[in-house]
PDB file of N, CA and C in Angstrom:
ATOM      1  N   MET A   1      13.893  -8.693  40.474  1.00  0.00           N
ATOM      2  CA  MET A   1      12.552  -8.359  40.022  1.00  0.00           C
ATOM      3  C   MET A   1      12.498  -6.970  39.401  1.00  0.00           C
ATOM      4  N   GLN A   2      13.259  -6.009  39.978  1.00  0.00           N
ATOM      5  CA  GLN A   2      13.232  -4.653  39.456  1.00  0.00           C
ATOM      6  C   GLN A   2      13.764  -4.602  38.027  1.00  0.00           C
ATOM      7  N   ILE A   3      14.763  -5.381  37.740  1.00  0.00           N
ATOM      8  CA  ILE A   3      15.354  -5.386  36.389  1.00  0.00           C
ATOM      9  C   ILE A   3      14.332  -5.871  35.371  1.00  0.00           C
ATOM     10  N   ILE A   4      13.582  -6.908  35.714  1.00  0.00           N
ATOM     11  CA  ILE A   4      12.553  -7.421  34.811  1.00  0.00           C
ATOM     12  C   ILE A   4      11.493  -6.352  34.555  1.00  0.00           C
ATOM     13  N   GLY A   5      11.089  -5.640  35.606  1.00  0.00           N
ATOM     14  CA  GLY A   5      10.109  -4.568  35.453  1.00  0.00           C
ATOM     15  C   GLY A   5      10.624  -3.455  34.560  1.00  0.00           C
ATOM     16  N   ILE A   6      11.869  -3.074  34.720  1.00  0.00           N
ATOM     17  CA  ILE A   6      12.468  -2.021  33.889  1.00  0.00           C
ATOM     18  C   ILE A   6      12.544  -2.476  32.429  1.00  0.00           C
ATOM     19  N   ILE A   7      12.933  -3.714  32.212  1.00  0.00           N
ATOM     20  CA  ILE A   7      13.011  -4.255  30.850  1.00  0.00           C
ATOM     21  C   ILE A   7      11.628  -4.261  30.200  1.00  0.00           C
ATOM     22  N   LEU A   8      10.612  -4.673  30.936  1.00  0.00           N
ATOM     23  CA  LEU A   8       9.249  -4.683  30.390  1.00  0.00           C
ATOM     24  C   LEU A   8       8.776  -3.272  30.040  1.00  0.00           C
ATOM     25  N   ILE A   9       9.087  -2.298  30.880  1.00  0.00           N
ATOM     26  CA  ILE A   9       8.705  -0.906  30.596  1.00  0.00           C
ATOM     27  C   ILE A   9       9.403  -0.417  29.327  1.00  0.00           C
ATOM     28  N   ILE A  10      10.666  -0.736  29.175  1.00  0.00           N
ATOM     29  CA  ILE A  10      11.416  -0.332  27.974  1.00  0.00           C
ATOM     30  C   ILE A  10      10.820  -0.977  26.734  1.00  0.00           C
ATOM     31  N   ILE A  11      10.463  -2.246  26.820  1.00  0.00           N
ATOM     32  CA  ILE A  11       9.854  -2.944  25.677  1.00  0.00           C
ATOM     33  C   ILE A  11       8.530  -2.296  25.303  1.00  0.00           C
ATOM     34  N   VAL A  12       7.710  -1.962  26.281  1.00  0.00           N
ATOM     35  CA  VAL A  12       6.422  -1.309  26.012  1.00  0.00           C
ATOM     36  C   VAL A  12       6.643   0.041  25.339  1.00  0.00           C
ATOM     37  N   ILE A  13       7.602   0.801  25.806  1.00  0.00           N
ATOM     38  CA  ILE A  13       7.895   2.112  25.200  1.00  0.00           C
ATOM     39  C   ILE A  13       8.366   1.950  23.759  1.00  0.00           C
ATOM     40  N   ILE A  14       9.227   0.998  23.508  1.00  0.00           N
ATOM     41  CA  ILE A  14       9.715   0.752  22.147  1.00  0.00           C
ATOM     42  C   ILE A  14       8.565   0.340  21.233  1.00  0.00           C
ATOM     43  N   LEU A  15       7.699  -0.553  21.695  1.00  0.00           N
ATOM     44  CA  LEU A  15       6.558  -0.983  20.885  1.00  0.00           C
ATOM     45  C   LEU A  15       5.628   0.188  20.589  1.00  0.00           C
ATOM     46  N   TYR A  16       5.410   1.049  21.567  1.00  0.00           N
ATOM     47  CA  TYR A  16       4.567   2.226  21.365  1.00  0.00           C
ATOM     48  C   TYR A  16       5.183   3.167  20.333  1.00  0.00           C
ATOM     49  N   LEU A  17       6.476   3.392  20.397  1.00  0.00           N
ATOM     50  CA  LEU A  17       7.149   4.256  19.422  1.00  0.00           C
ATOM     51  C   LEU A  17       7.099   3.659  18.018  1.00  0.00           C
ATOM     52  N   LEU A  18       7.258   2.343  17.915  1.00  0.00           N
ATOM     53  CA  LEU A  18       7.134   1.686  16.612  1.00  0.00           C
ATOM     54  C   LEU A  18       5.726   1.828  16.050  1.00  0.00           C
ATOM     55  N   TRP A  19       4.729   1.687  16.899  1.00  0.00           N
ATOM     56  CA  TRP A  19       3.341   1.853  16.465  1.00  0.00           C
ATOM     57  C   TRP A  19       3.100   3.284  15.967  1.00  0.00           C
ATOM     58  N   LEU A  20       3.611   4.275  16.688  1.00  0.00           N
ATOM     59  CA  LEU A  20       3.476   5.673  16.253  1.00  0.00           C
ATOM     60  C   LEU A  20       4.153   5.899  14.908  1.00  0.00           C
ATOM     61  N   TRP A  21       5.351   5.350  14.739  1.00  0.00           N
ATOM     62  CA  TRP A  21       6.077   5.500  13.480  1.00  0.00           C
ATOM     63  C   TRP A  21       5.306   4.844  12.335  1.00  0.00           C
ATOM     64  N   TYR A  22       4.778   3.659  12.575  1.00  0.00           N
ATOM     65  CA  TYR A  22       4.045   2.932  11.534  1.00  0.00           C
ATOM     66  C   TYR A  22       2.799   3.698  11.108  1.00  0.00           C
ATOM     67  N   THR A  23       2.004   4.171  12.046  1.00  0.00           N
ATOM     68  CA  THR A  23       0.772   4.871  11.693  1.00  0.00           C
ATOM     69  C   THR A  23       1.061   6.210  11.033  1.00  0.00           C
ATOM     70  N   LYS A  24       2.164   6.846  11.393  1.00  0.00           N
ATOM     71  CA  LYS A  24       2.533   8.119  10.773  1.00  0.00           C
ATOM     72  C   LYS A  24       2.964   7.923   9.326  1.00  0.00           C
ATOM     73  N   ASN A  25       3.587   6.786   9.019  1.00  0.00           N
ATOM     74  CA  ASN A  25       4.120   6.540   7.684  1.00  0.00           C
ATOM     75  C   ASN A  25       3.079   5.989   6.715  1.00  0.00           C
ATOM     76  N   GLN A  26       1.840   5.895   7.122  1.00  0.00           N
ATOM     77  CA  GLN A  26       0.797   5.512   6.189  1.00  0.00           C
ATOM     78  C   GLN A  26       0.314   6.777   5.506  1.00  0.00           C
ATOM     79  N   SER A  27       0.395   6.789   4.196  1.00  0.00           N
ATOM     80  CA  SER A  27       0.022   7.985   3.456  1.00  0.00           C
ATOM     81  C   SER A  27      -1.150   7.685   2.536  1.00  0.00           C
ATOM     82  N   ALA A  28      -2.099   8.601   2.497  1.00  0.00           N
ATOM     83  CA  ALA A  28      -3.283   8.428   1.656  1.00  0.00           C
ATOM     84  C   ALA A  28      -3.174   9.319   0.436  1.00  0.00           C
ATOM     85  N   ALA A  29      -3.764   8.863  -0.662  1.00  0.00           N
ATOM     86  CA  ALA A  29      -3.772   9.645  -1.894  1.00  0.00           C
ATOM     87  C   ALA A  29      -5.184   9.738  -2.438  1.00  0.00           C
ATOM     88  N   SER A  30      -5.500  10.907  -2.927  1.00  0.00           N
ATOM     89  CA  SER A  30      -6.749  11.093  -3.647  1.00  0.00           C
ATOM     90  C   SER A  30      -6.431  11.064  -5.139  1.00  0.00           C
ATOM     91  N   ALA A  31      -7.433  10.785  -5.921  1.00  0.00           N
ATOM     92  CA  ALA A  31      -7.227  10.584  -7.350  1.00  0.00           C
ATOM     93  C   ALA A  31      -7.016  11.885  -8.103  1.00  0.00           C
ATOM     94  N   LYS A  32      -6.198  11.780  -9.133  1.00  0.00           N
ATOM     95  CA  LYS A  32      -6.133  12.804 -10.165  1.00  0.00           C
ATOM     96  C   LYS A  32      -7.103  12.293 -11.233  1.00  0.00           C
ATOM     97  N   VAL A  33      -8.100  13.081 -11.592  1.00  0.00           N
ATOM     98  CA  VAL A  33      -9.141  12.601 -12.505  1.00  0.00           C
ATOM     99  C   VAL A  33      -8.915  13.181 -13.898  1.00  0.00           C
ATOM    100  N   GLU A  34      -8.875  12.289 -14.892  1.00  0.00           N
ATOM    101  CA  GLU A  34      -8.759  12.673 -16.292  1.00  0.00           C
ATOM    102  C   GLU A  34      -9.785  11.873 -17.089  1.00  0.00           C
ATOM    103  N   LYS A  35     -10.729  12.572 -17.696  1.00  0.00           N
ATOM    104  CA  LYS A  35     -11.763  11.927 -18.534  1.00  0.00           C
ATOM    105  C   LYS A  35     -12.446  10.774 -17.806  1.00  0.00           C
ATOM    106  N   ASP A  36     -12.923  11.025 -16.596  1.00  0.00           N
ATOM    107  CA  ASP A  36     -13.624  10.037 -15.766  1.00  0.00           C
ATOM    108  C   ASP A  36     -12.775   8.840 -15.350  1.00  0.00           C
ATOM    109  N   VAL A  37     -11.459   8.971 -15.426  1.00  0.00           N
ATOM    110  CA  VAL A  37     -10.553   7.922 -14.957  1.00  0.00           C
ATOM    111  C   VAL A  37      -9.827   8.454 -13.727  1.00  0.00           C
ATOM    112  N   GLN A  38      -9.865   7.679 -12.650  1.00  0.00           N
ATOM    113  CA  GLN A  38      -9.170   8.033 -11.413  1.00  0.00           C
ATOM    114  C   GLN A  38      -7.744   7.498 -11.509  1.00  0.00           C
ATOM    115  N   ILE A  39      -6.762   8.391 -11.443  1.00  0.00           N
ATOM    116  CA  ILE A  39      -5.366   8.003 -11.656  1.00  0.00           C
ATOM    117  C   ILE A  39      -4.568   8.190 -10.373  1.00  0.00           C
ATOM    118  N   PHE A  40      -3.785   7.150 -10.046  1.00  0.00           N
ATOM    119  CA  PHE A  40      -2.913   7.174  -8.869  1.00  0.00           C
ATOM    120  C   PHE A  40      -1.514   6.752  -9.293  1.00  0.00           C
ATOM    121  N   ASN A  41      -0.511   7.371  -8.711  1.00  0.00           N
ATOM    122  CA  ASN A  41       0.881   6.993  -8.931  1.00  0.00           C
ATOM    123  C   ASN A  41       1.465   6.521  -7.609  1.00  0.00           C
ATOM    124  N   ILE A  42       2.037   5.312  -7.635  1.00  0.00           N
ATOM    125  CA  ILE A  42       2.601   4.720  -6.412  1.00  0.00           C
ATOM    126  C   ILE A  42       4.065   4.390  -6.650  1.00  0.00           C
ATOM    127  N   LEU A  43       4.907   4.888  -5.779  1.00  0.00           N
ATOM    128  CA  LEU A  43       6.330   4.584  -5.808  1.00  0.00           C
ATOM    129  C   LEU A  43       6.581   3.334  -4.968  1.00  0.00           C
ATOM    130  N   VAL A  44       7.359   2.410  -5.517  1.00  0.00           N
ATOM    131  CA  VAL A  44       7.723   1.190  -4.796  1.00  0.00           C
ATOM    132  C   VAL A  44       9.201   1.303  -4.444  1.00  0.00           C
ATOM    133  N   LYS A  45       9.469   1.607  -3.189  1.00  0.00           N
ATOM    134  CA  LYS A  45      10.853   1.752  -2.720  1.00  0.00           C
ATOM    135  C   LYS A  45      10.848   1.559  -1.202  1.00  0.00           C
ATOM    136  N   GLY A  46      10.984   0.309  -0.780  1.00  0.00           N
ATOM    137  CA  GLY A  46      10.933  -0.014   0.647  1.00  0.00           C
ATOM    138  C   GLY A  46       9.515  -0.196   1.157  1.00  0.00           C
ATOM    139  N   VAL A  47       8.580   0.518   0.580  1.00  0.00           N
ATOM    140  CA  VAL A  47       7.143   0.449   0.890  1.00  0.00           C
ATOM    141  C   VAL A  47       6.389   0.908  -0.357  1.00  0.00           C
ATOM    142  N   TYR A  48       5.077   0.820  -0.312  1.00  0.00           N
ATOM    143  CA  TYR A  48       4.240   1.457  -1.327  1.00  0.00           C
ATOM    144  C   TYR A  48       3.975   2.874  -0.836  1.00  0.00           C
ATOM    145  N   SER A  49       4.281   3.861  -1.657  1.00  0.00           N
ATOM    146  CA  SER A  49       4.065   5.238  -1.248  1.00  0.00           C
ATOM    147  C   SER A  49       3.346   6.002  -2.348  1.00  0.00           C
ATOM    148  N   PRO A  50       2.118   6.408  -2.113  1.00  0.00           N
ATOM    149  CA  PRO A  50       1.308   6.228  -0.912  1.00  0.00           C
ATOM    150  C   PRO A  50       0.812   4.783  -0.813  1.00  0.00           C
ATOM    151  N   ASN A  51       0.396   4.404   0.387  1.00  0.00           N
ATOM    152  CA  ASN A  51      -0.086   3.030   0.575  1.00  0.00           C
ATOM    153  C   ASN A  51      -1.586   2.967   0.862  1.00  0.00           C
ATOM    154  N   ILE A  52      -2.242   4.117   0.832  1.00  0.00           N
ATOM    155  CA  ILE A  52      -3.699   4.153   0.963  1.00  0.00           C
ATOM    156  C   ILE A  52      -4.250   4.948  -0.221  1.00  0.00           C
ATOM    157  N   ILE A  53      -5.152   4.315  -0.968  1.00  0.00           N
ATOM    158  CA  ILE A  53      -5.751   4.941  -2.142  1.00  0.00           C
ATOM    159  C   ILE A  53      -7.235   5.089  -1.881  1.00  0.00           C
ATOM    160  N   LYS A  54      -7.742   6.304  -2.052  1.00  0.00           N
ATOM    161  CA  LYS A  54      -9.172   6.558  -1.874  1.00  0.00           C
ATOM    162  C   LYS A  54      -9.774   6.889  -3.236  1.00  0.00           C
ATOM    163  N   ALA A  55     -10.756   6.076  -3.638  1.00  0.00           N
ATOM    164  CA  ALA A  55     -11.360   6.235  -4.955  1.00  0.00           C
ATOM    165  C   ALA A  55     -12.878   6.119  -4.864  1.00  0.00           C
ATOM    166  N   LYS A  56     -13.533   6.492  -5.955  1.00  0.00           N
ATOM    167  CA  LYS A  56     -14.994   6.432  -6.020  1.00  0.00           C
ATOM    168  C   LYS A  56     -15.448   5.183  -6.762  1.00  0.00           C
ATOM    169  N   LYS A  57     -16.583   4.674  -6.333  1.00  0.00           N
ATOM    170  CA  LYS A  57     -17.193   3.490  -6.915  1.00  0.00           C
ATOM    171  C   LYS A  57     -17.687   3.787  -8.334  1.00  0.00           C
ATOM    172  N   ASN A  58     -17.663   2.780  -9.193  1.00  0.00           N
ATOM    173  CA  ASN A  58     -18.182   2.825 -10.567  1.00  0.00           C
ATOM    174  C   ASN A  58     -17.451   3.803 -11.473  1.00  0.00           C
ATOM    175  N   LYS A  59     -16.198   4.139 -11.132  1.00  0.00           N
ATOM    176  CA  LYS A  59     -15.338   4.939 -12.002  1.00  0.00           C
ATOM    177  C   LYS A  59     -14.027   4.187 -12.145  1.00  0.00           C
ATOM    178  N   LEU A  60     -13.544   4.067 -13.369  1.00  0.00           N
ATOM    179  CA  LEU A  60     -12.316   3.325 -13.631  1.00  0.00           C
ATOM    180  C   LEU A  60     -11.158   3.884 -12.804  1.00  0.00           C
ATOM    181  N   ILE A  61     -10.381   2.963 -12.222  1.00  0.00           N
ATOM    182  CA  ILE A  61      -9.180   3.323 -11.456  1.00  0.00           C
ATOM    183  C   ILE A  61      -7.966   2.866 -12.255  1.00  0.00           C
ATOM    184  N   ARG A  62      -7.026   3.768 -12.433  1.00  0.00           N
ATOM    185  CA  ARG A  62      -5.759   3.425 -13.089  1.00  0.00           C
ATOM    186  C   ARG A  62      -4.648   3.691 -12.066  1.00  0.00           C
ATOM    187  N   ILE A  63      -3.944   2.633 -11.682  1.00  0.00           N
ATOM    188  CA  ILE A  63      -2.861   2.750 -10.705  1.00  0.00           C
ATOM    189  C   ILE A  63      -1.546   2.491 -11.419  1.00  0.00           C
ATOM    190  N   ASN A  64      -0.660   3.497 -11.388  1.00  0.00           N
ATOM    191  CA  ASN A  64       0.660   3.390 -12.001  1.00  0.00           C
ATOM    192  C   ASN A  64       1.688   3.117 -10.905  1.00  0.00           C
ATOM    193  N   PHE A  65       2.272   1.928 -10.930  1.00  0.00           N
ATOM    194  CA  PHE A  65       3.327   1.574  -9.988  1.00  0.00           C
ATOM    195  C   PHE A  65       4.674   1.822 -10.670  1.00  0.00           C
ATOM    196  N   VAL A  66       5.570   2.513  -9.970  1.00  0.00           N
ATOM    197  CA  VAL A  66       6.934   2.704 -10.452  1.00  0.00           C
ATOM    198  C   VAL A  66       7.869   2.126  -9.400  1.00  0.00           C
ATOM    199  N   SER A  67       8.550   1.054  -9.771  1.00  0.00           N
ATOM    200  CA  SER A  67       9.438   0.378  -8.831  1.00  0.00           C
ATOM    201  C   SER A  67      10.860   0.908  -8.980  1.00  0.00           C
ATOM    202  N   GLN A  68      11.453   1.262  -7.850  1.00  0.00           N
ATOM    203  CA  GLN A  68      12.838   1.714  -7.840  1.00  0.00           C
ATOM    204  C   GLN A  68      13.720   0.741  -7.082  1.00  0.00           C
ATOM    205  N   GLU A  69      13.350  -0.522  -7.136  1.00  0.00           N
ATOM    206  CA  GLU A  69      14.150  -1.555  -6.489  1.00  0.00           C
ATOM    207  C   GLU A  69      13.887  -2.892  -7.152  1.00  0.00           C
ATOM    208  N   SER A  70      14.766  -3.845  -6.863  1.00  0.00           N
ATOM    209  CA  SER A  70      14.627  -5.157  -7.500  1.00  0.00           C
ATOM    210  C   SER A  70      14.663  -6.287  -6.475  1.00  0.00           C
ATOM    211  N   THR A  71      14.035  -6.072  -5.330  1.00  0.00           N
ATOM    212  CA  THR A  71      14.000  -7.120  -4.313  1.00  0.00           C
ATOM    213  C   THR A  71      12.923  -8.145  -4.663  1.00  0.00           C
ATOM    214  N   ASP A  72      13.084  -9.352  -4.148  1.00  0.00           N
ATOM    215  CA  ASP A  72      12.075 -10.386  -4.379  1.00  0.00           C
ATOM    216  C   ASP A  72      10.723  -9.963  -3.819  1.00  0.00           C
ATOM    217  N   CYS A  73      10.754  -9.275  -2.686  1.00  0.00           N
ATOM    218  CA  CYS A  73       9.515  -8.889  -2.023  1.00  0.00           C
ATOM    219  C   CYS A  73       8.689  -7.928  -2.873  1.00  0.00           C
ATOM    220  N   SER A  74       9.350  -7.010  -3.547  1.00  0.00           N
ATOM    221  CA  SER A  74       8.617  -5.991  -4.309  1.00  0.00           C
ATOM    222  C   SER A  74       8.414  -6.372  -5.768  1.00  0.00           C
ATOM    223  N   ARG A  75       8.742  -7.574  -6.131  1.00  0.00           N
ATOM    224  CA  ARG A  75       8.677  -7.988  -7.535  1.00  0.00           C
ATOM    225  C   ARG A  75       7.253  -8.059  -8.080  1.00  0.00           C
ATOM    226  N   PHE A  76       6.288  -8.384  -7.247  1.00  0.00           N
ATOM    227  CA  PHE A  76       4.896  -8.486  -7.680  1.00  0.00           C
ATOM    228  C   PHE A  76       3.995  -7.701  -6.737  1.00  0.00           C
ATOM    229  N   VAL A  77       2.870  -7.221  -7.276  1.00  0.00           N
ATOM    230  CA  VAL A  77       1.827  -6.628  -6.447  1.00  0.00           C
ATOM    231  C   VAL A  77       0.559  -7.452  -6.674  1.00  0.00           C
ATOM    232  N   ASN A  78      -0.187  -7.646  -5.588  1.00  0.00           N
ATOM    233  CA  ASN A  78      -1.410  -8.455  -5.636  1.00  0.00           C
ATOM    234  C   ASN A  78      -2.602  -7.643  -5.135  1.00  0.00           C
ATOM    235  N   PHE A  79      -3.698  -7.745  -5.863  1.00  0.00           N
ATOM    236  CA  PHE A  79      -4.993  -7.227  -5.435  1.00  0.00           C
ATOM    237  C   PHE A  79      -5.909  -8.449  -5.363  1.00  0.00           C
ATOM    238  N   PRO A  80      -5.888  -9.201  -4.247  1.00  0.00           N
ATOM    239  CA  PRO A  80      -6.600 -10.479  -4.172  1.00  0.00           C
ATOM    240  C   PRO A  80      -8.096 -10.377  -4.434  1.00  0.00           C
ATOM    241  N   ASP A  81      -8.740  -9.297  -3.974  1.00  0.00           N
ATOM    242  CA  ASP A  81     -10.185  -9.176  -4.171  1.00  0.00           C
ATOM    243  C   ASP A  81     -10.566  -8.994  -5.638  1.00  0.00           C
ATOM    244  N   PHE A  82      -9.602  -8.556  -6.452  1.00  0.00           N
ATOM    245  CA  PHE A  82      -9.864  -8.343  -7.879  1.00  0.00           C
ATOM    246  C   PHE A  82      -9.142  -9.378  -8.737  1.00  0.00           C
ATOM    247  N   LYS A  83      -8.519 -10.364  -8.070  1.00  0.00           N
ATOM    248  CA  LYS A  83      -7.791 -11.444  -8.730  1.00  0.00           C
ATOM    249  C   LYS A  83      -6.735 -10.899  -9.703  1.00  0.00           C
ATOM    250  N   ILE A  84      -5.955  -9.925  -9.209  1.00  0.00           N
ATOM    251  CA  ILE A  84      -4.906  -9.300 -10.012  1.00  0.00           C
ATOM    252  C   ILE A  84      -3.566  -9.557  -9.344  1.00  0.00           C
ATOM    253  N   ARG A  85      -2.606  -9.999 -10.141  1.00  0.00           N
ATOM    254  CA  ARG A  85      -1.209 -10.146  -9.704  1.00  0.00           C
ATOM    255  C   ARG A  85      -0.355  -9.662 -10.864  1.00  0.00           C
ATOM    256  N   LYS A  86       0.452  -8.639 -10.606  1.00  0.00           N
ATOM    257  CA  LYS A  86       1.218  -8.023 -11.681  1.00  0.00           C
ATOM    258  C   LYS A  86       2.681  -7.878 -11.274  1.00  0.00           C
ATOM    259  N   GLU A  87       3.579  -8.161 -12.219  1.00  0.00           N
ATOM    260  CA  GLU A  87       5.011  -7.987 -11.975  1.00  0.00           C
ATOM    261  C   GLU A  87       5.363  -6.503 -12.052  1.00  0.00           C
ATOM    262  N   LEU A  88       6.294  -6.079 -11.187  1.00  0.00           N
ATOM    263  CA  LEU A  88       6.732  -4.686 -11.138  1.00  0.00           C
ATOM    264  C   LEU A  88       8.234  -4.615 -11.435  1.00  0.00           C
ATOM    265  N   PRO A  89       8.608  -4.597 -12.718  1.00  0.00           N
ATOM    266  CA  PRO A  89      10.039  -4.544 -13.052  1.00  0.00           C
ATOM    267  C   PRO A  89      10.674  -3.233 -12.583  1.00  0.00           C
ATOM    268  N   GLU A  90      11.909  -3.329 -12.119  1.00  0.00           N
ATOM    269  CA  GLU A  90      12.621  -2.159 -11.622  1.00  0.00           C
ATOM    270  C   GLU A  90      12.797  -1.113 -12.732  1.00  0.00           C
ATOM    271  N   GLY A  91      12.528   0.136 -12.389  1.00  0.00           N
ATOM    272  CA  GLY A  91      12.724   1.239 -13.314  1.00  0.00           C
ATOM    273  C   GLY A  91      11.631   1.412 -14.350  1.00  0.00           C
ATOM    274  N   GLU A  92      10.586   0.623 -14.267  1.00  0.00           N
ATOM    275  CA  GLU A  92       9.502   0.709 -15.245  1.00  0.00           C
ATOM    276  C   GLU A  92       8.187   1.090 -14.570  1.00  0.00           C
ATOM    277  N   LYS A  93       7.282   1.632 -15.378  1.00  0.00           N
ATOM    278  CA  LYS A  93       5.937   1.932 -14.893  1.00  0.00           C
ATOM    279  C   LYS A  93       5.035   0.759 -15.281  1.00  0.00           C
ATOM    280  N   THR A  94       4.312   0.252 -14.302  1.00  0.00           N
ATOM    281  CA  THR A  94       3.361  -0.834 -14.523  1.00  0.00           C
ATOM    282  C   THR A  94       1.986  -0.315 -14.148  1.00  0.00           C
ATOM    283  N   THR A  95       1.036  -0.444 -15.072  1.00  0.00           N
ATOM    284  CA  THR A  95      -0.309   0.092 -14.861  1.00  0.00           C
ATOM    285  C   THR A  95      -1.301  -1.029 -14.598  1.00  0.00           C
ATOM    286  N   ILE A  96      -2.129  -0.816 -13.600  1.00  0.00           N
ATOM    287  CA  ILE A  96      -3.219  -1.734 -13.270  1.00  0.00           C
ATOM    288  C   ILE A  96      -4.510  -0.945 -13.348  1.00  0.00           C
ATOM    289  N   GLU A  97      -5.516  -1.505 -14.021  1.00  0.00           N
ATOM    290  CA  GLU A  97      -6.821  -0.856 -14.108  1.00  0.00           C
ATOM    291  C   GLU A  97      -7.868  -1.712 -13.414  1.00  0.00           C
ATOM    292  N   ILE A  98      -8.694  -1.046 -12.629  1.00  0.00           N
ATOM    293  CA  ILE A  98      -9.745  -1.711 -11.855  1.00  0.00           C
ATOM    294  C   ILE A  98     -11.030  -0.913 -12.010  1.00  0.00           C
ATOM    295  N   MET A  99     -12.134  -1.613 -12.255  1.00  0.00           N
ATOM    296  CA  MET A  99     -13.452  -0.989 -12.263  1.00  0.00           C
ATOM    297  C   MET A  99     -14.157  -1.412 -10.978  1.00  0.00           C
ATOM    298  N   PRO A 100     -14.166  -0.546  -9.956  1.00  0.00           N
ATOM    299  CA  PRO A 100     -14.759  -0.920  -8.668  1.00  0.00           C
ATOM    300  C   PRO A 100     -16.283  -0.845  -8.716  1.00  0.00           C
ATOM    301  N   GLU A 101     -16.926  -1.957  -8.452  1.00  0.00           N
ATOM    302  CA  GLU A 101     -18.386  -2.016  -8.510  1.00  0.00           C
ATOM    303  C   GLU A 101     -19.029  -2.030  -7.132  1.00  0.00           C
ATOM    304  N   LYS A 102     -18.205  -2.115  -6.086  1.00  0.00           N
ATOM    305  CA  LYS A 102     -18.768  -2.074  -4.739  1.00  0.00           C
ATOM    306  C   LYS A 102     -17.834  -1.287  -3.818  1.00  0.00           C
ATOM    307  N   SER A 103     -18.420  -0.719  -2.780  1.00  0.00           N
ATOM    308  CA  SER A 103     -17.653   0.041  -1.794  1.00  0.00           C
ATOM    309  C   SER A 103     -16.979  -0.908  -0.809  1.00  0.00           C
ATOM    310  N   GLY A 104     -15.923  -0.413  -0.180  1.00  0.00           N
ATOM    311  CA  GLY A 104     -15.252  -1.211   0.831  1.00  0.00           C
ATOM    312  C   GLY A 104     -13.773  -0.911   0.888  1.00  0.00           C
ATOM    313  N   VAL A 105     -13.082  -1.681   1.709  1.00  0.00           N
ATOM    314  CA  VAL A 105     -11.634  -1.572   1.852  1.00  0.00           C
ATOM    315  C   VAL A 105     -11.023  -2.847   1.284  1.00  0.00           C
ATOM    316  N   PHE A 106     -10.151  -2.688   0.306  1.00  0.00           N
ATOM    317  CA  PHE A 106      -9.560  -3.827  -0.392  1.00  0.00           C
ATOM    318  C   PHE A 106      -8.035  -3.758  -0.253  1.00  0.00           C
ATOM    319  N   PRO A 107      -7.432  -4.734   0.407  1.00  0.00           N
ATOM    320  CA  PRO A 107      -5.981  -4.705   0.600  1.00  0.00           C
ATOM    321  C   PRO A 107      -5.232  -5.051  -0.682  1.00  0.00           C
ATOM    322  N   PHE A 108      -4.020  -4.517  -0.790  1.00  0.00           N
ATOM    323  CA  PHE A 108      -3.094  -4.974  -1.818  1.00  0.00           C
ATOM    324  C   PHE A 108      -1.738  -5.166  -1.155  1.00  0.00           C
ATOM    325  N   ASN A 109      -0.910  -6.049  -1.717  1.00  0.00           N
ATOM    326  CA  ASN A 109       0.333  -6.421  -1.056  1.00  0.00           C
ATOM    327  C   ASN A 109       1.304  -7.077  -2.030  1.00  0.00           C
ATOM    328  N   CYS A 110       2.547  -7.221  -1.563  1.00  0.00           N
ATOM    329  CA  CYS A 110       3.538  -7.978  -2.319  1.00  0.00           C
ATOM    330  C   CYS A 110       3.319  -9.471  -2.031  1.00  0.00           C
ATOM    331  N   ASP A 111       4.080 -10.317  -2.701  1.00  0.00           N
ATOM    332  CA  ASP A 111       3.921 -11.763  -2.497  1.00  0.00           C
ATOM    333  C   ASP A 111       4.228 -12.194  -1.069  1.00  0.00           C
ATOM    334  N   MET A 112       5.149 -11.492  -0.396  1.00  0.00           N
ATOM    335  CA  MET A 112       5.541 -11.871   0.966  1.00  0.00           C
ATOM    336  C   MET A 112       4.726 -11.135   2.030  1.00  0.00           C
ATOM    337  N   ASN A 113       3.802 -10.298   1.597  1.00  0.00           N
ATOM    338  CA  ASN A 113       2.932  -9.514   2.486  1.00  0.00           C
ATOM    339  C   ASN A 113       3.723  -8.565   3.404  1.00  0.00           C
ATOM    340  N   MET A 114       4.889  -8.129   2.934  1.00  0.00           N
ATOM    341  CA  MET A 114       5.680  -7.157   3.697  1.00  0.00           C
ATOM    342  C   MET A 114       5.358  -5.734   3.231  1.00  0.00           C
ATOM    343  N   TYR A 115       5.060  -5.561   1.955  1.00  0.00           N
ATOM    344  CA  TYR A 115       4.620  -4.278   1.421  1.00  0.00           C
ATOM    345  C   TYR A 115       3.096  -4.372   1.358  1.00  0.00           C
ATOM    346  N   THR A 116       2.418  -3.462   2.030  1.00  0.00           N
ATOM    347  CA  THR A 116       0.963  -3.547   2.066  1.00  0.00           C
ATOM    348  C   THR A 116       0.334  -2.186   1.786  1.00  0.00           C
ATOM    349  N   GLY A 117      -0.905  -2.243   1.350  1.00  0.00           N
ATOM    350  CA  GLY A 117      -1.658  -1.027   1.112  1.00  0.00           C
ATOM    351  C   GLY A 117      -3.142  -1.314   1.140  1.00  0.00           C
ATOM    352  N   LYS A 118      -3.935  -0.238   1.031  1.00  0.00           N
ATOM    353  CA  LYS A 118      -5.392  -0.376   1.027  1.00  0.00           C
ATOM    354  C   LYS A 118      -5.961   0.456  -0.093  1.00  0.00           C
ATOM    355  N   LEU A 119      -6.910  -0.142  -0.800  1.00  0.00           N
ATOM    356  CA  LEU A 119      -7.704   0.571  -1.785  1.00  0.00           C
ATOM    357  C   LEU A 119      -9.068   0.780  -1.134  1.00  0.00           C
ATOM    358  N   ILE A 120      -9.402   2.037  -0.868  1.00  0.00           N
ATOM    359  CA  ILE A 120     -10.667   2.356  -0.213  1.00  0.00           C
ATOM    360  C   ILE A 120     -11.626   2.903  -1.265  1.00  0.00           C
ATOM    361  N   ILE A 121     -12.729   2.183  -1.478  1.00  0.00           N
ATOM    362  CA  ILE A 121     -13.725   2.590  -2.457  1.00  0.00           C
ATOM    363  C   ILE A 121     -14.913   3.154  -1.705  1.00  0.00           C
ATOM    364  N   GLU A 122     -15.264   4.406  -2.029  1.00  0.00           N
ATOM    365  CA  GLU A 122     -16.374   5.090  -1.343  1.00  0.00           C
ATOM    366  C   GLU A 122     -17.548   5.251  -2.282  1.00  0.00           C
TER     367      GLU A 122
END
C-alpha cells in the first residue's frame, strides 16, 4: 500500500510541475500599431510564440506567421470563429487579416489542435 501512495504522490507532483511549465510558457503580445492597423508577429517553432494576442475591437488586425518547421501539425493555422484556415509554408511569412467586430476570446490552432493560441479582443 505504501508504494502505491508514494507513486500517486510522485504523479501529482509531476502533473503540478507540468501545469506550472505550461502556464509559464504562455506568452502574450500587444500590438504594434501602424496607420490604425494592429500588427502581430508569431513564430511557429514547436508552438506559436507568442500564443496570446491582445487586440482592440473594430481595428484591423494583421498577424504575420513565420514558420521555422515543416511538420504536418504546423502546416496550417485555423481561426474557426472567423472561418480562416491558412497554410504556413516553412521559411515564409504568411499574413492573416481580421477585422474584429465583437469582443471576446477566440482560439486559434493547428489542424491537430496541438499548437494553440488565443486572440483576445477588448
